Protein backbone atom coordinates (compact mmCIF):
# COMPACT_ATOMS: atom_id res chain seq x y z
CA MET A 1 -100.57 55.99 9.22
CA GLY A 2 -102.67 55.62 6.07
CA THR A 3 -104.01 52.80 3.93
CA ARG A 4 -104.50 52.44 0.19
CA PRO A 5 -105.25 49.51 -2.15
CA VAL A 6 -102.56 48.58 -4.70
CA SER A 7 -102.16 46.44 -7.83
CA TRP A 8 -99.54 43.90 -9.12
CA ALA A 9 -95.94 44.44 -10.34
CA LEU A 10 -92.35 43.45 -9.59
CA PHE A 11 -89.87 44.75 -7.08
CA PRO A 12 -86.19 43.79 -7.67
CA ALA A 13 -84.97 44.11 -4.08
CA ILE A 14 -87.56 41.69 -2.73
CA ALA A 15 -86.95 39.38 -5.70
CA ALA A 16 -83.30 39.17 -4.71
CA LEU A 17 -84.29 38.37 -1.13
CA ALA A 18 -86.70 35.65 -2.30
CA LEU A 19 -84.03 34.15 -4.55
CA ALA A 20 -81.50 34.12 -1.72
CA CYS A 21 -83.98 32.38 0.60
CA ALA A 22 -84.86 29.85 -2.09
CA CYS A 23 -81.15 29.08 -2.66
CA CYS A 24 -80.65 28.55 1.06
CA LEU A 25 -83.67 26.25 1.14
CA ALA A 26 -82.33 24.24 -1.81
CA ALA A 27 -78.97 23.81 -0.07
CA GLU A 28 -80.69 22.63 3.09
CA ASN A 29 -82.95 20.25 1.12
CA ALA A 30 -79.92 18.52 -0.41
CA ALA A 31 -78.91 17.13 2.98
CA TYR A 32 -82.32 17.14 4.65
CA VAL A 33 -83.59 13.72 5.73
CA ILE A 34 -87.24 13.16 4.83
CA GLY A 35 -89.67 12.04 7.52
CA PRO A 36 -93.39 11.70 8.29
CA GLY A 37 -95.35 14.90 7.63
CA ASP A 38 -93.01 16.28 4.96
CA VAL A 39 -94.73 17.31 1.70
CA LEU A 40 -93.03 16.37 -1.60
CA ASP A 41 -93.79 17.85 -5.01
CA VAL A 42 -93.11 15.24 -7.74
CA ARG A 43 -93.03 16.24 -11.40
CA ILE A 44 -92.54 13.69 -14.21
CA ALA A 45 -91.37 14.46 -17.75
CA GLY A 46 -91.66 11.69 -20.33
CA ALA A 47 -94.75 10.04 -18.85
CA PRO A 48 -97.85 11.85 -20.18
CA ASP A 49 -100.26 9.76 -18.11
CA LEU A 50 -98.59 10.72 -14.83
CA PRO A 51 -99.67 14.11 -13.47
CA SER A 52 -97.56 16.24 -11.19
CA VAL A 53 -98.54 15.46 -7.61
CA SER A 54 -98.04 16.77 -4.09
CA ILE A 55 -97.62 13.91 -1.63
CA THR A 56 -97.49 13.95 2.18
CA VAL A 57 -95.19 11.36 3.73
CA ARG A 58 -97.26 9.00 5.89
CA PRO A 59 -96.47 8.27 9.57
CA ASP A 60 -94.82 4.99 8.53
CA GLY A 61 -92.36 6.92 6.31
CA ALA A 62 -93.87 5.75 3.01
CA ILE A 63 -95.70 7.26 0.02
CA SER A 64 -97.88 5.68 -2.67
CA PHE A 65 -97.04 6.56 -6.29
CA PRO A 66 -98.85 5.57 -9.51
CA HIS A 67 -97.30 2.61 -11.39
CA VAL A 68 -94.75 2.23 -8.58
CA GLY A 69 -96.79 1.42 -5.47
CA GLU A 70 -95.39 1.78 -1.96
CA VAL A 71 -92.09 3.65 -1.70
CA ARG A 72 -90.21 3.98 1.60
CA VAL A 73 -88.87 7.53 1.61
CA GLY A 74 -88.34 8.03 5.35
CA GLY A 75 -84.65 8.53 6.10
CA LYS A 76 -83.84 9.42 2.45
CA THR A 77 -82.80 12.74 0.91
CA VAL A 78 -84.79 14.43 -1.86
CA ARG A 79 -82.19 13.36 -4.41
CA GLN A 80 -82.35 9.73 -3.28
CA VAL A 81 -86.16 9.73 -3.60
CA GLY A 82 -85.88 11.08 -7.14
CA GLU A 83 -83.39 8.35 -8.04
CA MET A 84 -85.66 5.64 -6.55
CA LEU A 85 -88.70 6.84 -8.51
CA THR A 86 -86.67 7.16 -11.72
CA GLU A 87 -85.35 3.61 -11.42
CA ALA A 88 -88.86 2.23 -10.79
CA LEU A 89 -90.50 4.19 -13.64
CA LEU A 90 -87.85 3.19 -16.19
CA LYS A 91 -89.25 -0.32 -16.00
CA ARG A 92 -92.43 1.06 -17.61
CA TYR A 93 -91.27 4.05 -19.68
CA ARG A 94 -88.37 4.42 -22.12
CA GLN A 95 -87.19 7.72 -20.75
CA VAL A 96 -88.40 9.75 -17.79
CA ASP A 97 -87.11 12.75 -15.93
CA VAL A 98 -88.23 12.88 -12.28
CA ALA A 99 -87.97 16.12 -10.28
CA VAL A 100 -88.67 15.93 -6.54
CA ASN A 101 -88.87 19.03 -4.37
CA LEU A 102 -89.59 19.47 -0.69
CA THR A 103 -92.38 22.05 -0.44
CA GLN A 104 -93.30 21.84 3.22
CA PHE A 105 -91.27 20.73 6.20
CA ARG A 106 -92.74 18.60 8.93
CA ALA A 107 -93.08 20.17 12.36
CA ARG A 108 -89.62 19.92 13.97
CA ASN A 109 -90.66 19.67 17.57
CA VAL A 110 -90.40 17.25 20.42
CA PHE A 111 -93.16 17.24 23.04
CA VAL A 112 -92.63 17.29 26.81
CA LEU A 113 -95.92 16.68 28.60
CA GLY A 114 -97.23 16.16 32.10
CA GLN A 115 -95.22 17.13 35.19
CA VAL A 116 -93.19 20.05 33.77
CA LYS A 117 -93.77 23.76 34.25
CA THR A 118 -94.62 24.55 30.62
CA PRO A 119 -95.81 21.33 28.95
CA GLY A 120 -96.08 21.33 25.17
CA ALA A 121 -93.93 21.51 22.06
CA VAL A 122 -90.19 22.15 22.31
CA PRO A 123 -88.75 23.40 18.98
CA LEU A 124 -85.61 21.65 17.74
CA GLU A 125 -82.68 23.85 16.82
CA GLY A 126 -80.66 20.89 15.50
CA GLU A 127 -81.45 17.31 14.54
CA SER A 128 -82.06 16.19 18.13
CA VAL A 129 -82.08 17.13 21.81
CA ASN A 130 -81.54 14.99 24.88
CA VAL A 131 -84.09 14.39 27.63
CA THR A 132 -82.40 16.71 30.12
CA GLN A 133 -82.27 19.59 27.63
CA ALA A 134 -85.91 19.05 26.60
CA ILE A 135 -87.10 19.08 30.22
CA LEU A 136 -85.15 22.27 30.94
CA ALA A 137 -86.64 23.87 27.80
CA ALA A 138 -90.10 22.99 29.19
CA GLY A 139 -89.34 24.88 32.41
CA GLY A 140 -88.08 21.96 34.47
CA LEU A 141 -89.85 19.36 36.57
CA THR A 142 -92.68 20.22 38.97
CA ALA A 143 -91.75 17.48 41.47
CA GLU A 144 -88.74 15.52 42.70
CA ILE A 145 -87.27 13.09 40.18
CA GLY A 146 -87.85 10.16 42.53
CA ASP A 147 -91.59 10.88 42.54
CA LEU A 148 -91.96 10.78 38.75
CA ASP A 149 -92.20 8.18 36.00
CA ALA A 150 -91.55 8.91 32.32
CA ARG A 151 -92.52 7.19 29.06
CA LEU A 152 -91.12 7.94 25.62
CA TYR A 153 -93.45 7.78 22.60
CA ARG A 154 -91.42 7.45 19.40
CA PRO A 155 -92.84 7.06 15.87
CA GLY A 156 -92.63 3.45 14.73
CA GLN A 157 -91.90 2.06 18.21
CA ALA A 158 -93.88 1.00 21.26
CA PRO A 159 -93.74 3.36 24.28
CA ALA A 160 -90.62 2.88 26.42
CA SER A 161 -89.88 3.78 30.05
CA VAL A 162 -87.22 6.39 30.79
CA ASP A 163 -85.40 6.37 34.15
CA LEU A 164 -85.23 10.10 34.86
CA GLY A 165 -83.08 9.57 37.96
CA LYS A 166 -80.33 7.80 36.00
CA VAL A 167 -80.60 9.97 32.89
CA MET A 168 -80.61 13.37 34.60
CA GLY A 169 -78.30 12.24 37.39
CA GLY A 170 -75.59 11.16 34.97
CA ALA A 171 -75.63 7.49 35.97
CA ALA A 172 -76.74 6.51 32.46
CA GLY A 173 -76.32 8.01 29.00
CA ASP A 174 -78.92 10.68 28.27
CA THR A 175 -81.67 9.58 25.88
CA THR A 176 -81.75 11.47 22.58
CA LEU A 177 -85.09 12.84 21.34
CA ALA A 178 -85.74 13.47 17.65
CA ALA A 179 -88.50 15.39 15.86
CA GLY A 180 -91.92 13.90 16.59
CA ASP A 181 -90.91 12.20 19.86
CA ALA A 182 -93.10 12.79 22.93
CA LEU A 183 -91.94 12.45 26.55
CA LEU A 184 -94.81 11.98 29.02
CA ILE A 185 -93.88 12.59 32.67
CA GLU A 186 -96.38 11.54 35.35
CA ALA A 187 -96.50 11.38 39.13
CA ARG A 188 -95.28 8.01 40.36
CA LYS A 189 -97.76 6.00 42.33
CA PRO A 190 -96.72 5.68 46.01
CA HIS A 191 -95.14 2.45 47.20
CA GLU A 192 -97.99 0.38 48.64
CA ILE A 193 -98.03 -3.18 49.95
CA THR A 194 -101.21 -5.17 50.45
CA LEU A 195 -101.48 -6.95 53.82
CA LEU A 196 -103.43 -10.21 53.73
CA GLY A 197 -104.28 -13.08 56.01
CA GLU A 198 -103.84 -13.11 59.76
CA VAL A 199 -102.46 -9.60 60.28
CA GLN A 200 -103.54 -6.83 62.62
CA LYS A 201 -104.64 -4.42 59.84
CA PRO A 202 -105.45 -6.16 56.54
CA GLY A 203 -105.56 -3.86 53.51
CA VAL A 204 -103.33 -1.54 51.53
CA CYS A 205 -100.44 -0.05 53.51
CA PRO A 206 -98.62 3.06 52.13
CA LEU A 207 -94.93 3.00 52.96
CA PRO A 208 -92.10 5.53 53.03
CA ARG A 209 -89.28 5.15 50.54
CA ASP A 210 -86.65 2.52 51.43
CA ALA A 211 -88.87 1.00 54.15
CA ARG A 212 -87.93 -2.38 55.66
CA LEU A 213 -90.03 -5.23 57.01
CA ASP A 214 -90.02 -3.94 60.61
CA THR A 215 -91.81 -0.77 59.40
CA LEU A 216 -94.48 -2.87 57.70
CA LEU A 217 -95.04 -4.89 60.89
CA ALA A 218 -95.37 -1.68 62.91
CA LEU A 219 -97.95 -0.30 60.46
CA GLY A 220 -100.32 -3.26 60.73
CA GLY A 221 -98.49 -6.36 59.50
CA THR A 222 -97.98 -7.99 62.91
CA PRO A 223 -99.49 -11.52 62.94
CA THR A 224 -102.65 -12.21 64.93
CA PRO A 225 -102.66 -15.05 67.52
CA THR A 226 -104.13 -17.40 64.87
CA GLY A 227 -101.54 -16.49 62.23
CA ASP A 228 -98.48 -18.56 61.39
CA GLY A 229 -95.81 -15.85 61.72
CA ARG A 230 -93.03 -18.36 61.12
CA ARG A 231 -94.17 -18.77 57.52
CA ALA A 232 -95.10 -15.22 56.48
CA ILE A 233 -94.82 -14.72 52.74
CA LEU A 234 -93.42 -11.76 50.76
CA VAL A 235 -94.60 -11.66 47.13
CA ARG A 236 -92.54 -9.56 44.68
CA ASP A 237 -93.77 -7.63 41.65
CA ASP A 238 -92.53 -10.42 39.38
CA GLY A 239 -94.48 -13.07 41.33
CA GLN A 240 -91.47 -14.57 43.14
CA THR A 241 -92.02 -15.35 46.83
CA THR A 242 -89.91 -15.42 49.99
CA VAL A 243 -90.88 -17.02 53.30
CA VAL A 244 -89.75 -15.09 56.39
CA ASP A 245 -90.02 -15.79 60.12
CA VAL A 246 -91.45 -12.54 61.47
CA THR A 247 -91.75 -13.94 64.98
CA HIS A 248 -87.96 -13.94 65.14
CA LEU A 249 -87.84 -10.39 63.78
CA LEU A 250 -90.32 -9.17 66.40
CA ALA A 251 -88.08 -10.54 69.13
CA ASN A 252 -84.78 -9.44 67.51
CA PRO A 253 -84.90 -6.06 65.69
CA ASP A 254 -81.42 -6.69 64.22
CA SER A 255 -82.52 -9.99 62.65
CA PRO A 256 -81.47 -10.69 59.02
CA ALA A 257 -85.22 -11.16 58.39
CA ASN A 258 -85.57 -7.34 58.41
CA VAL A 259 -85.30 -7.17 54.63
CA PRO A 260 -85.90 -4.10 52.44
CA LEU A 261 -89.32 -3.98 50.77
CA THR A 262 -88.33 -2.58 47.37
CA GLY A 263 -90.23 -4.51 44.71
CA ILE A 264 -92.59 -6.18 47.22
CA ARG A 265 -96.33 -5.93 46.54
CA LEU A 266 -97.89 -8.42 49.00
CA PHE A 267 -97.30 -9.50 52.58
CA VAL A 268 -99.26 -12.56 53.72
CA VAL A 269 -99.47 -14.22 57.10
CA PRO A 270 -101.25 -17.55 56.56
CA PRO A 271 -103.50 -19.12 59.18
CA LYS A 272 -102.14 -22.20 60.87
CA ALA A 273 -104.37 -24.62 58.96
CA GLU A 274 -106.22 -22.65 56.26
CA ILE A 275 -105.66 -20.99 52.84
CA VAL A 276 -105.48 -17.24 52.32
CA VAL A 277 -107.20 -16.20 49.05
CA GLY A 278 -106.58 -12.64 47.93
CA GLY A 279 -106.30 -10.32 44.97
CA GLU A 280 -108.94 -10.18 42.25
CA VAL A 281 -111.54 -12.50 43.76
CA ARG A 282 -114.98 -11.34 44.79
CA THR A 283 -114.64 -12.34 48.46
CA PRO A 284 -110.99 -12.31 49.61
CA GLY A 285 -110.40 -14.05 52.91
CA THR A 286 -109.35 -17.24 54.67
CA TYR A 287 -110.88 -20.55 53.62
CA PRO A 288 -110.57 -24.05 55.11
CA ALA A 289 -109.08 -26.72 52.86
CA GLY A 290 -109.78 -30.40 53.27
CA SER A 291 -107.64 -33.26 51.99
CA GLN A 292 -109.71 -33.42 48.78
CA SER A 293 -109.94 -29.68 48.11
CA ARG A 294 -108.78 -28.41 44.71
CA LEU A 295 -108.02 -25.03 43.16
CA PHE A 296 -111.45 -24.69 41.53
CA ASP A 297 -113.18 -25.35 44.88
CA ILE A 298 -111.27 -22.64 46.76
CA LEU A 299 -111.66 -19.99 44.05
CA THR A 300 -115.38 -20.77 43.83
CA ALA A 301 -115.69 -20.47 47.63
CA ALA A 302 -114.06 -17.03 47.32
CA GLY A 303 -116.83 -15.93 44.95
CA GLY A 304 -114.94 -16.42 41.69
CA LEU A 305 -112.75 -13.94 39.84
CA THR A 306 -113.50 -10.25 39.35
CA GLU A 307 -113.64 -8.45 36.00
CA LYS A 308 -110.13 -7.08 36.64
CA ALA A 309 -108.61 -10.52 37.21
CA ASP A 310 -105.77 -11.73 35.01
CA ARG A 311 -106.08 -15.52 34.78
CA GLN A 312 -102.48 -15.73 33.65
CA LYS A 313 -101.31 -14.21 36.94
CA VAL A 314 -102.52 -16.63 39.62
CA THR A 315 -99.88 -17.30 42.27
CA VAL A 316 -100.11 -20.45 44.42
CA VAL A 317 -97.69 -20.88 47.34
CA ASN A 318 -97.41 -24.03 49.49
CA ARG A 319 -96.69 -24.05 53.21
CA ASP A 320 -92.91 -24.18 52.85
CA GLY A 321 -92.95 -21.04 50.66
CA ALA A 322 -92.42 -22.71 47.29
CA LEU A 323 -94.34 -21.60 44.19
CA VAL A 324 -96.69 -24.17 42.71
CA PRO A 325 -97.01 -24.07 38.87
CA VAL A 326 -100.65 -23.61 37.91
CA ASP A 327 -102.79 -23.05 34.82
CA ALA A 328 -105.70 -21.29 36.49
CA GLU A 329 -107.47 -20.51 33.22
CA GLN A 330 -107.57 -24.21 32.31
CA ALA A 331 -108.55 -25.22 35.87
CA LEU A 332 -111.52 -22.83 35.91
CA ALA A 333 -112.67 -23.73 32.41
CA HIS A 334 -112.24 -27.51 32.90
CA PRO A 335 -112.47 -28.51 36.57
CA GLU A 336 -112.10 -32.17 35.61
CA SER A 337 -108.64 -31.56 34.09
CA ALA A 338 -105.24 -32.07 35.73
CA ALA A 339 -104.84 -28.28 35.89
CA ASN A 340 -107.30 -28.29 38.81
CA ILE A 341 -104.56 -29.14 41.29
CA PRO A 342 -105.08 -30.28 44.93
CA VAL A 343 -104.49 -27.52 47.51
CA ALA A 344 -104.33 -29.38 50.83
CA ASP A 345 -100.72 -28.17 51.38
CA VAL A 346 -101.27 -24.66 49.98
CA SER A 347 -101.10 -21.56 52.21
CA LEU A 348 -101.77 -18.77 49.67
CA ILE A 349 -103.70 -18.28 46.43
CA MET A 350 -103.27 -14.80 44.95
CA VAL A 351 -105.10 -13.67 41.80
CA GLY A 352 -103.31 -10.81 40.07
CA GLU A 353 -104.89 -7.77 38.45
CA ASP A 354 -104.77 -7.14 34.74
CA THR A 355 -102.24 -4.30 34.87
CA ARG A 356 -102.34 -3.34 31.23
CA ARG A 357 -102.82 0.38 30.85
CA TYR A 358 -106.54 0.96 30.29
CA GLU A 359 -106.35 4.67 29.55
CA VAL A 360 -105.33 7.16 26.89
CA GLY A 361 -103.43 10.35 27.60
CA VAL A 362 -104.92 13.64 26.38
CA PHE A 363 -102.50 16.53 26.82
CA GLY A 364 -101.63 19.93 25.44
CA GLU A 365 -104.16 22.66 24.67
CA VAL A 366 -107.23 21.12 26.34
CA GLY A 367 -109.26 22.31 29.30
CA ASP A 368 -108.18 19.55 31.70
CA PRO A 369 -105.15 17.49 30.51
CA GLN A 370 -105.44 13.98 31.94
CA ASN A 371 -105.38 10.22 31.39
CA VAL A 372 -108.86 9.21 30.20
CA PRO A 373 -110.05 5.69 31.14
CA VAL A 374 -110.82 3.32 28.24
CA LYS A 375 -111.42 -0.41 28.30
CA GLU A 376 -111.37 -1.30 24.61
CA THR A 377 -111.93 1.71 22.32
CA LEU A 378 -112.98 5.34 22.76
CA PRO A 379 -113.84 7.89 20.04
CA LEU A 380 -111.36 10.73 19.79
CA ALA A 381 -114.21 13.23 20.18
CA ALA A 382 -115.26 11.66 23.50
CA ALA A 383 -111.68 11.64 24.82
CA LEU A 384 -111.26 15.36 24.01
CA ALA A 385 -114.61 16.13 25.68
CA GLN A 386 -113.59 14.25 28.86
CA ALA A 387 -110.35 16.24 28.92
CA GLY A 388 -112.30 19.50 29.01
CA GLY A 389 -112.51 20.16 25.28
CA LEU A 390 -110.19 22.22 23.12
CA ALA A 391 -108.61 25.26 24.74
CA GLU A 392 -108.87 28.72 23.16
CA LYS A 393 -105.45 28.52 21.48
CA ALA A 394 -105.68 24.89 20.37
CA ASP A 395 -104.69 24.04 16.80
CA ALA A 396 -107.77 22.03 15.88
CA ARG A 397 -106.43 21.26 12.40
CA ARG A 398 -103.42 19.30 13.63
CA VAL A 399 -104.25 17.08 16.61
CA GLN A 400 -101.64 14.34 16.91
CA VAL A 401 -102.54 10.77 17.89
CA LEU A 402 -99.55 8.64 18.93
CA ARG A 403 -100.55 5.00 18.96
CA GLY A 404 -99.35 2.47 21.51
CA ASP A 405 -97.97 0.35 18.63
CA GLY A 406 -95.65 3.17 17.56
CA THR A 407 -97.70 4.53 14.63
CA GLN A 408 -99.14 8.05 14.59
CA GLU A 409 -101.58 10.18 12.67
CA THR A 410 -102.65 13.83 12.47
CA VAL A 411 -106.38 14.54 12.74
CA ASP A 412 -108.36 17.66 11.86
CA VAL A 413 -111.00 18.10 14.58
CA THR A 414 -112.32 21.51 13.52
CA ALA A 415 -115.68 19.80 12.90
CA LEU A 416 -116.05 19.48 16.67
CA LEU A 417 -115.87 23.23 17.32
CA GLY A 418 -119.15 24.84 18.28
CA ARG A 419 -121.12 21.58 18.44
CA ARG A 420 -123.85 21.32 21.04
CA ASP A 421 -122.80 17.79 21.95
CA PRO A 422 -118.99 17.59 21.56
CA THR A 423 -118.99 13.90 22.55
CA ALA A 424 -121.07 12.97 19.48
CA PRO A 425 -118.54 12.13 16.74
CA ALA A 426 -118.48 14.65 13.90
CA PRO A 427 -118.29 13.20 10.38
CA ASP A 428 -114.59 14.07 9.92
CA VAL A 429 -113.46 12.32 13.13
CA ALA A 430 -116.14 9.64 13.56
CA GLY A 431 -113.77 6.88 12.47
CA VAL A 432 -110.90 7.82 14.80
CA LEU A 433 -110.94 5.38 17.71
CA LEU A 434 -108.46 5.43 20.57
CA ARG A 435 -107.19 2.32 22.33
CA PRO A 436 -105.44 1.78 25.67
CA GLY A 437 -101.92 3.18 25.60
CA ASP A 438 -102.59 5.84 22.93
CA LEU A 439 -101.50 9.44 23.48
CA VAL A 440 -103.32 12.51 22.10
CA ILE A 441 -101.41 15.79 21.77
CA VAL A 442 -103.36 18.98 21.02
CA ASN A 443 -100.81 21.51 19.79
CA ARG A 444 -100.92 25.23 20.43
CA ARG A 445 -102.04 27.34 17.48
CA TYR A 446 -99.29 29.78 16.59
CA ALA A 447 -99.90 32.87 14.51
CA GLU A 448 -97.16 34.26 12.26
CA VAL A 449 -96.13 37.47 10.58
CA LEU A 450 -93.46 37.89 7.90
CA LEU A 451 -90.71 40.38 8.72
CA LEU A 452 -88.60 41.66 5.79
CA GLY A 453 -86.15 44.42 4.99
CA ALA A 454 -83.73 46.36 7.21
CA VAL A 455 -84.13 44.35 10.42
CA ALA A 456 -81.72 42.12 12.33
CA LYS A 457 -83.61 38.88 11.61
CA GLN A 458 -85.83 38.39 8.57
CA GLY A 459 -88.40 35.65 8.19
CA ALA A 460 -91.63 34.26 9.67
CA LEU A 461 -92.07 34.99 13.38
CA ASP A 462 -94.58 33.85 15.98
CA TYR A 463 -96.42 36.58 17.82
CA GLU A 464 -98.80 36.86 20.75
CA GLU A 465 -102.25 38.42 20.48
CA GLY A 466 -102.00 42.20 20.94
CA ASP A 467 -98.35 42.50 19.82
CA THR A 468 -97.55 45.71 17.90
CA VAL A 469 -95.12 46.26 15.04
CA ILE A 470 -92.48 47.64 17.41
CA GLU A 471 -92.77 44.60 19.70
CA VAL A 472 -92.44 42.15 16.79
CA ILE A 473 -89.35 43.92 15.43
CA ALA A 474 -87.79 44.05 18.92
CA ARG A 475 -88.32 40.30 19.27
CA ALA A 476 -86.46 39.82 15.98
CA GLY A 477 -83.41 41.73 17.23
CA GLY A 478 -84.37 45.27 16.25
CA PHE A 479 -83.53 47.41 13.21
CA SER A 480 -80.40 47.27 11.09
CA GLU A 481 -78.18 50.37 10.81
CA LYS A 482 -79.62 51.44 7.44
CA ALA A 483 -83.29 51.13 8.40
CA ALA A 484 -85.52 53.95 7.14
CA LYS A 485 -87.80 53.69 10.19
CA GLN A 486 -90.07 56.53 9.15
CA HIS A 487 -91.07 54.72 5.94
CA ALA A 488 -92.00 51.24 7.25
CA ALA A 489 -95.31 49.57 6.40
CA ILE A 490 -97.62 46.66 7.20
CA LEU A 491 -98.94 44.73 4.17
CA ARG A 492 -102.27 43.18 5.14
CA ARG A 493 -104.72 41.09 3.14
CA ASP A 494 -108.33 42.32 3.12
CA GLY A 495 -110.34 39.81 1.13
CA ASP A 496 -109.14 40.00 -2.48
CA LYS A 497 -107.31 43.26 -1.84
CA VAL A 498 -104.12 44.16 -0.02
CA GLN A 499 -103.67 47.22 2.15
CA VAL A 500 -100.44 49.09 2.76
CA ILE A 501 -100.55 50.56 6.27
CA GLU A 502 -97.72 53.08 6.33
CA ALA A 503 -96.01 53.32 9.70
CA ASP A 504 -93.62 56.00 10.96
CA LEU A 505 -91.71 53.80 13.40
CA ARG A 506 -89.26 56.59 14.20
CA ALA A 507 -92.13 58.64 15.62
CA ALA A 508 -93.41 55.58 17.48
CA LEU A 509 -90.02 55.07 19.10
CA ALA A 510 -89.99 58.73 20.04
CA GLY A 511 -93.16 58.31 22.10
CA SER A 512 -96.10 58.22 19.72
CA GLU A 513 -98.74 55.71 20.83
CA VAL A 514 -100.52 55.55 17.48
CA LEU A 515 -99.07 52.11 16.70
CA LEU A 516 -100.42 50.69 19.93
CA GLN A 517 -103.89 51.01 18.41
CA HIS A 518 -102.91 48.74 15.48
CA PRO A 519 -101.70 45.32 16.65
CA VAL A 520 -100.38 42.95 14.00
CA GLN A 521 -102.59 40.23 12.56
CA ASP A 522 -101.93 36.72 11.32
CA GLY A 523 -100.40 36.83 7.84
CA ASP A 524 -99.20 40.45 8.03
CA ILE A 525 -96.02 41.31 6.13
CA ILE A 526 -93.94 43.96 7.92
CA TYR A 527 -91.41 45.67 5.66
CA VAL A 528 -88.75 48.14 6.82
CA PRO A 529 -86.98 49.70 3.81
CA ASP A 530 -83.33 50.76 3.74
CA ARG A 531 -84.08 53.88 1.67
CA PRO A 532 -86.61 56.75 1.93
CA LYS A 533 -89.89 56.72 0.04
CA PRO A 534 -89.93 53.15 -1.31
CA ALA A 535 -92.17 52.19 -4.24
CA TRP A 536 -94.87 50.44 -2.21
CA LYS A 537 -96.90 49.65 -5.28
CA ASN A 538 -94.09 47.55 -6.75
CA ILE A 539 -93.29 45.86 -3.43
CA VAL A 540 -96.86 44.71 -2.81
CA GLN A 541 -97.36 43.59 -6.39
CA PHE A 542 -94.30 41.38 -6.24
CA LEU A 543 -95.19 39.81 -2.86
CA LEU A 544 -98.61 38.88 -4.17
CA GLY A 545 -97.03 37.48 -7.32
CA ILE A 546 -94.87 35.12 -5.25
CA GLY A 547 -97.64 34.28 -2.81
CA SER A 548 -96.92 30.57 -3.07
CA PHE A 549 -93.29 31.19 -2.07
CA TYR A 550 -94.39 33.15 0.99
CA ARG A 551 -97.04 30.60 1.98
CA ILE A 552 -95.00 27.41 1.48
CA VAL A 553 -91.39 28.36 2.17
CA LEU A 554 -91.47 31.13 4.73
CA ARG A 555 -94.54 29.93 6.60
């Protein structure tokens, strides 16, 4: 191998290749549907005060254009955008000619995160992929489907639950994922029922799947001698209640009272003449109720509500098992009002927890991917720091933030690299605040080389650190039949100059290890000619002359 600096010129063979690629790109652009992250080049003839501009499509699918304002371009083709701008500008100018070109495609990936073997970006080969295919592309699940929950983050929409059991089991139509969608798969919390009142073991009771009431009784739910087992109460996730006679079940294992516990969150055995107060109160327990007692009195006796209490989720059940309508927020704020109901005939008061998701997910190329707790807001810098900081191969320039309201943005966090205190917001990211339900995706930084000439697959290719020329070409399908392997070269930028590193790949394939000492670098152009002794000077000069084509189209 040898290196030598070169100057500028033109090489016809590469020009033809560039023209062919450009024609293919134009054909694809004609039918391509524009979306967030695409970059449009807009040139106007006939309007001297309007400069040519390069515009990135915002996450909401819109752009802002002078003298036109907001233009919704998401879901449109390049031609349709040009027609829309022309129509709008003709209201101001007599004659305009609008040319719109797509100069940079958005990242065409979906993201599969969490409980899969290789979480991260899954490249799209077509317009979409279904959930099952995306999970398989990410290496498959790391746990049983029944032990997992999934949420779909889609631009412009709120996060939605995905039933993996139905989707992957064929019981329901598979959900389609499009570019920009993110599927977050997490371990499902175990089924737990809280035992309250006069039971043998009050507290949280973990249960096996498909457990029935007799199992719950055996694990600590049996009434104490002072409990009223004839009026035990099952409270469902939706707040509905059912009164069951567990004394009959204890005597008759085949009793119809042995109901399944799916969807049940509380089991309460009331005392024979008192009220059970549980949930988000400071002192859960059993409290006596006189004939004049009211809701405010009992909640006050229980120490009041905790910080986690949801005042809209207060369940009151009377002694025959019926739900009593109650406005607990009004009763606590205005004890003199009618909302402060009498509770002489009440057996249970349960204060629910505010179950809104008080965390943000930070996944991808970080040290410790996790859900980070947040009550109201949290700076992006602090969330990344709590998740272990950026990993070595993180793409700090393109960190994606998917909002709980369906919007998204891309943030450059390179200002955080190398800071002594990574939790202190850097100027570029100081204004980025996360809220409960947001999802942060740190993408992997991919390096690329450009492979041209007599090879099976030309174009920009990803490579791993340490890859050699031979390994890159092999990954692209190898040489074509006419390849002049002994006259290949690497074109590499060195500041303002370009080096041509001549490579005898035929000798390398025959056993020479010289190439192993020269791994490829980001931005290298590998050219394998189809004829001996190519004019390297002309080739390099032309590639530099069309540098914008290489940078924008092929990369």
